[in-house]
Amino acid sequence: MNWFSRLGVKFREIFLCQRPASLFLLGGKIILHELIRFLNENFEKGGDGRLLDAGAGTRPYLSVYRDYFSTTYSFDVPYSPHDVTSVDVIASSLHLPFRDGAFDCVLCTEVLEHIPDPLQALTEYQRVLKAGGKLFLTTPFFNPLHEIPHDYYRYTPFALRYMAEKAGFRMESIVQKGGIIAFFLLFMQYLWVRFWQALSRYWHIQFLHPYNPAVYFTIILPQLVYFSKWKRRMRRNAPNSVGADIFDNLSAVTLGYVTIFSKPIRARSDQQADKSIL
């Protein structure tokens, strides 16, 4: 094999792949940042609480939350497009197989838009939470269709507050996943990605890969720069806590929202010490 052939083989090793790594990473990095902050503010590492990961798929946040709880459970639907072999239970958010007040925290990230009856799902999350328990919820707003045909809704802050109240939650805080600049950035990059996809199909070479310098500097790096600036801005400004002006500082255009719901504290029998969840 001559040097030209070896170069061709090496090129294909780098750029040919069945499925490129996720290039739209901004929303995920914001969710991860907010999840870590949420855990640090509400739970202690080495705690004896229980967490439920709803619609967990491959459980991408397991390494983040497992240090804060003695027990973690995860579930997903059987028709999930993700690999669900690692989840504990195959179940639907509409009918959870857990007893009332079984968990201290429910995690639901980018799942609610795929549930045909989101209010019923929130009611179920509220039911299985202990009084004073927390729901960490993330939802998209501007986002392309995905996981078709199970892509039903996009949520405004007002819809989230309405559903929280109907389900018996208190809405503690809401953070938007970037503003209009984040939306514009990802919209333009979406068009650029479609160009690379068309080029890849024509040449039968996977150009759309982070190792492609043109892709890295035009798609990945701008998101990292924006995320760095977003973090600095978040350190200066506290998240929007519930109040009369909760929505005043939110942009009209955003990628989505990170909201924290809590279950009101009442005298309930499900608060008795009980190690079972069924």
Protein backbone atom coordinates (compact mmCIF):
# COMPACT_ATOMS: atom_id res chain seq x y z
CA MET A 1 0.00 0.00 0.00
CA ASN A 2 1.53 3.33 -1.07
CA TRP A 3 1.48 6.52 0.97
CA PHE A 4 -1.52 7.88 -0.94
CA SER A 5 -3.59 4.77 -0.15
CA ARG A 6 -2.53 4.87 3.52
CA LEU A 7 -3.53 8.52 3.69
CA GLY A 8 -6.93 7.61 2.26
CA VAL A 9 -7.42 4.87 4.85
CA LYS A 10 -6.46 7.21 7.69
CA PHE A 11 -8.79 9.89 6.35
CA ARG A 12 -11.70 7.45 6.31
CA GLU A 13 -10.89 6.25 9.85
CA ILE A 14 -11.21 9.80 11.08
CA PHE A 15 -14.17 11.01 9.06
CA LEU A 16 -16.22 7.92 8.26
CA CYS A 17 -18.54 6.92 11.08
CA GLN A 18 -22.07 5.62 11.29
CA ARG A 19 -23.26 8.47 13.43
CA PRO A 20 -21.25 11.61 14.30
CA ALA A 21 -21.01 12.76 17.87
CA SER A 22 -23.61 15.31 18.87
CA LEU A 23 -22.68 18.70 17.50
CA PHE A 24 -25.46 20.74 19.10
CA LEU A 25 -24.04 20.62 22.61
CA LEU A 26 -25.07 24.02 24.00
CA GLY A 27 -28.41 22.96 25.47
CA GLY A 28 -26.88 19.89 27.07
CA LYS A 29 -24.07 21.86 28.67
CA ILE A 30 -26.56 24.33 30.15
CA ILE A 31 -28.67 21.47 31.54
CA LEU A 32 -25.61 19.85 33.10
CA HIS A 33 -24.50 23.13 34.65
CA GLU A 34 -27.94 23.73 36.16
CA LEU A 35 -28.26 20.13 37.37
CA ILE A 36 -24.98 20.33 39.28
CA ARG A 37 -26.03 23.63 40.84
CA PHE A 38 -29.44 22.20 41.75
CA LEU A 39 -27.91 19.15 43.43
CA ASN A 40 -25.37 21.21 45.37
CA GLU A 41 -28.05 23.59 46.63
CA ASN A 42 -30.65 21.00 47.63
CA PHE A 43 -28.83 17.78 48.54
CA GLU A 44 -25.62 16.62 50.18
CA LYS A 45 -23.14 14.15 48.79
CA GLY A 46 -23.45 10.86 50.58
CA GLY A 47 -27.09 11.53 51.40
CA ASP A 48 -29.57 8.74 52.09
CA GLY A 49 -32.33 9.97 49.79
CA ARG A 50 -33.81 8.39 46.67
CA LEU A 51 -33.91 9.75 43.14
CA LEU A 52 -36.05 8.75 40.17
CA ASP A 53 -34.66 9.36 36.67
CA ALA A 54 -37.70 9.65 34.40
CA GLY A 55 -37.35 8.74 30.73
CA ALA A 56 -33.72 8.02 31.50
CA GLY A 57 -32.65 6.36 28.23
CA THR A 58 -28.93 5.70 28.57
CA ARG A 59 -28.87 7.48 31.96
CA PRO A 60 -26.43 10.22 30.84
CA TYR A 61 -26.54 12.01 34.21
CA LEU A 62 -26.02 8.95 36.45
CA SER A 63 -22.41 9.85 37.20
CA VAL A 64 -23.54 13.33 38.27
CA TYR A 65 -26.40 12.53 40.65
CA ARG A 66 -25.51 9.13 42.13
CA ASP A 67 -23.16 10.62 44.75
CA TYR A 68 -26.05 12.59 46.27
CA PHE A 69 -28.45 9.69 46.86
CA SER A 70 -28.19 6.28 48.46
CA THR A 71 -30.66 4.83 45.96
CA THR A 72 -31.41 5.76 42.36
CA TYR A 73 -34.03 4.29 40.05
CA SER A 74 -34.52 4.87 36.35
CA PHE A 75 -37.22 3.99 33.84
CA ASP A 76 -38.13 4.50 30.21
CA VAL A 77 -40.76 3.37 27.73
CA PRO A 78 -40.18 0.22 25.66
CA TYR A 79 -40.33 2.16 22.38
CA SER A 80 -37.63 4.65 23.38
CA PRO A 81 -35.15 5.32 20.54
CA HIS A 82 -32.35 5.16 23.10
CA ASP A 83 -30.63 2.10 24.52
CA VAL A 84 -32.71 1.33 27.61
CA THR A 85 -31.00 -1.90 28.64
CA SER A 86 -29.51 -0.20 31.69
CA VAL A 87 -32.72 1.24 33.14
CA ASP A 88 -34.25 -0.39 36.21
CA VAL A 89 -37.86 -0.47 35.05
CA ILE A 90 -39.70 -0.33 31.74
CA ALA A 91 -42.65 1.93 32.45
CA SER A 92 -44.55 5.04 31.34
CA SER A 93 -44.61 8.39 33.13
CA LEU A 94 -48.39 8.22 32.87
CA HIS A 95 -48.59 5.21 35.22
CA LEU A 96 -45.60 4.92 37.53
CA PRO A 97 -45.20 1.59 39.37
CA PHE A 98 -44.06 3.25 42.62
CA ARG A 99 -45.87 4.03 45.85
CA ASP A 100 -46.83 7.54 46.96
CA GLY A 101 -44.00 9.56 48.48
CA ALA A 102 -41.26 7.12 47.48
CA PHE A 103 -38.65 9.63 46.24
CA ASP A 104 -36.86 12.75 47.39
CA CYS A 105 -36.12 13.93 43.84
CA VAL A 106 -37.38 13.29 40.32
CA LEU A 107 -35.19 14.10 37.34
CA CYS A 108 -36.93 14.70 33.99
CA THR A 109 -34.68 16.09 31.26
CA GLU A 110 -35.99 16.71 27.73
CA VAL A 111 -38.72 14.11 28.18
CA LEU A 112 -41.98 15.99 28.77
CA GLU A 113 -42.37 16.98 25.11
CA HIS A 114 -42.54 13.27 24.22
CA ILE A 115 -45.41 12.47 26.59
CA PRO A 116 -48.92 12.79 25.09
CA ASP A 117 -50.47 13.80 28.43
CA PRO A 118 -47.85 15.95 30.21
CA LEU A 119 -50.19 17.04 33.01
CA GLN A 120 -50.84 13.42 33.93
CA ALA A 121 -47.09 12.78 33.94
CA LEU A 122 -46.47 15.74 36.25
CA THR A 123 -49.26 14.53 38.53
CA GLU A 124 -47.55 11.14 38.72
CA TYR A 125 -44.18 12.76 39.51
CA GLN A 126 -45.88 14.76 42.26
CA ARG A 127 -47.50 11.63 43.65
CA VAL A 128 -44.27 9.64 44.00
CA LEU A 129 -42.38 12.56 45.55
CA LYS A 130 -42.17 13.05 49.29
CA ALA A 131 -43.57 16.27 50.70
CA GLY A 132 -40.86 18.87 50.15
CA GLY A 133 -39.38 16.77 47.33
CA LYS A 134 -38.00 18.39 44.18
CA LEU A 135 -38.60 17.91 40.47
CA PHE A 136 -35.75 18.98 38.16
CA LEU A 137 -37.43 19.52 34.80
CA THR A 138 -35.99 20.65 31.47
CA THR A 139 -38.05 21.29 28.36
CA PRO A 140 -37.35 22.57 24.84
CA PHE A 141 -38.90 25.66 23.27
CA PHE A 142 -37.20 26.27 19.92
CA ASN A 143 -36.10 22.83 18.83
CA PRO A 144 -36.40 20.86 15.58
CA LEU A 145 -38.68 17.85 15.41
CA HIS A 146 -37.02 14.80 16.92
CA GLU A 147 -37.85 11.26 18.03
CA ILE A 148 -40.71 11.28 15.52
CA PRO A 149 -43.59 10.47 15.87
CA HIS A 150 -43.40 10.93 19.65
CA ASP A 151 -42.71 14.67 19.64
CA TYR A 152 -45.85 16.40 20.84
CA TYR A 153 -45.25 19.75 22.56
CA ARG A 154 -43.14 22.84 23.17
CA TYR A 155 -43.67 24.70 26.46
CA THR A 156 -43.79 28.38 27.37
CA PRO A 157 -42.97 29.51 30.93
CA PHE A 158 -46.67 30.19 31.47
CA ALA A 159 -47.63 26.67 30.42
CA LEU A 160 -45.05 25.26 32.81
CA ARG A 161 -46.40 27.34 35.69
CA TYR A 162 -50.00 26.39 34.83
CA MET A 163 -49.22 22.67 34.70
CA ALA A 164 -47.18 22.88 37.91
CA GLU A 165 -50.11 24.36 39.79
CA LYS A 166 -52.59 21.88 38.30
CA ALA A 167 -50.35 18.97 39.29
CA GLY A 168 -49.99 20.24 42.86
CA PHE A 169 -46.46 21.60 42.57
CA ARG A 170 -44.93 24.91 43.55
CA MET A 171 -42.74 26.44 40.83
CA GLU A 172 -39.54 27.49 42.59
CA SER A 173 -37.39 28.83 39.77
CA ILE A 174 -36.98 28.99 36.02
CA VAL A 175 -33.84 29.45 33.93
CA GLN A 176 -33.82 29.79 30.17
CA LYS A 177 -31.38 27.79 28.08
CA GLY A 178 -29.81 30.82 26.44
CA GLY A 179 -31.52 33.78 24.79
CA ILE A 180 -31.98 35.08 21.27
CA ILE A 181 -28.25 34.88 20.51
CA ALA A 182 -28.20 31.18 21.39
CA PHE A 183 -31.23 30.61 19.17
CA PHE A 184 -29.70 32.55 16.27
CA LEU A 185 -26.40 30.72 16.71
CA LEU A 186 -27.95 27.27 16.58
CA PHE A 187 -30.36 28.21 13.78
CA MET A 188 -27.50 29.32 11.54
CA GLN A 189 -25.48 26.26 12.52
CA TYR A 190 -28.43 24.03 11.69
CA LEU A 191 -28.31 25.32 8.11
CA TRP A 192 -24.54 24.80 8.06
CA VAL A 193 -24.97 21.23 9.34
CA ARG A 194 -27.48 20.51 6.57
CA PHE A 195 -24.87 21.69 4.06
CA TRP A 196 -22.26 19.30 5.47
CA GLN A 197 -24.80 16.48 5.48
CA ALA A 198 -25.56 17.07 1.80
CA LEU A 199 -21.84 17.17 1.02
CA SER A 200 -21.30 13.94 2.94
CA ARG A 201 -24.07 12.17 1.05
CA TYR A 202 -22.70 13.32 -2.30
CA TRP A 203 -19.10 12.24 -1.63
CA HIS A 204 -19.98 9.26 0.62
CA ILE A 205 -17.59 10.63 3.24
CA GLN A 206 -18.61 11.76 6.71
CA PHE A 207 -17.43 15.37 6.70
CA LEU A 208 -19.80 16.22 9.56
CA HIS A 209 -17.44 15.23 12.36
CA PRO A 210 -15.79 17.20 15.20
CA TYR A 211 -12.36 16.23 13.80
CA ASN A 212 -13.12 18.27 10.69
CA PRO A 213 -11.55 21.69 11.47
CA ALA A 214 -14.22 23.50 9.48
CA VAL A 215 -16.93 21.84 11.56
CA TYR A 216 -15.14 22.41 14.87
CA PHE A 217 -14.44 26.11 14.32
CA THR A 218 -17.85 26.97 12.86
CA ILE A 219 -20.17 24.74 14.90
CA ILE A 220 -18.58 23.50 18.14
CA LEU A 221 -16.27 26.35 19.16
CA PRO A 222 -18.94 29.12 18.90
CA GLN A 223 -21.17 27.12 21.24
CA LEU A 224 -18.35 26.71 23.75
CA VAL A 225 -17.65 30.44 23.65
CA TYR A 226 -21.31 31.27 24.16
CA PHE A 227 -21.59 28.79 27.04
CA SER A 228 -18.57 30.36 28.76
CA LYS A 229 -20.19 33.80 28.54
CA TRP A 230 -23.53 32.38 29.69
CA LYS A 231 -21.92 30.93 32.82
CA ARG A 232 -20.31 34.26 33.71
CA ARG A 233 -23.64 35.99 33.29
CA MET A 234 -25.37 33.40 35.46
CA ARG A 235 -22.83 33.95 38.24
CA ARG A 236 -23.72 37.64 38.22
CA ASN A 237 -27.48 37.11 38.12
CA ALA A 238 -29.38 34.70 40.36
CA PRO A 239 -31.93 32.41 38.67
CA ASN A 240 -35.44 33.79 38.39
CA SER A 241 -37.21 32.80 41.58
CA VAL A 242 -40.97 32.67 41.73
CA GLY A 243 -42.63 35.98 42.36
CA ALA A 244 -44.66 38.68 40.68
CA ASP A 245 -41.84 39.38 38.20
CA ILE A 246 -40.69 35.81 37.62
CA PHE A 247 -40.96 36.13 33.83
CA ASP A 248 -39.85 39.76 33.49
CA ASN A 249 -36.21 38.99 32.71
CA LEU A 250 -36.81 36.07 30.34
CA SER A 251 -36.08 36.47 26.66
CA ALA A 252 -38.99 35.96 24.25
CA VAL A 253 -36.71 33.64 22.26
CA THR A 254 -34.83 30.76 23.87
CA LEU A 255 -33.82 27.15 23.31
CA GLY A 256 -35.87 26.02 26.31
CA TYR A 257 -36.17 26.12 30.08
CA VAL A 258 -34.83 24.54 33.24
CA THR A 259 -37.44 24.65 35.99
CA ILE A 260 -37.48 23.49 39.59
CA PHE A 261 -40.79 22.34 41.08
CA SER A 262 -41.33 21.38 44.70
CA LYS A 263 -44.07 19.37 46.38
CA PRO A 264 -45.66 21.37 49.22
CA ILE A 265 -44.99 20.09 52.74
CA ARG A 266 -48.08 18.68 54.39
CA ALA A 267 -48.76 16.17 57.12
CA ARG A 268 -49.04 12.98 55.08
CA SER A 269 -48.84 9.30 55.93
CA ASP A 270 -46.42 8.74 53.04
CA GLN A 271 -43.78 10.65 54.99
CA GLN A 272 -43.40 7.79 57.46
CA ALA A 273 -40.12 5.93 57.29
CA ASP A 274 -40.50 3.38 54.54
CA LYS A 275 -37.62 1.84 52.67
CA SER A 276 -39.74 0.35 49.91
CA ILE A 277 -40.72 2.14 46.71
CA LEU A 278 -43.49 -0.17 45.49
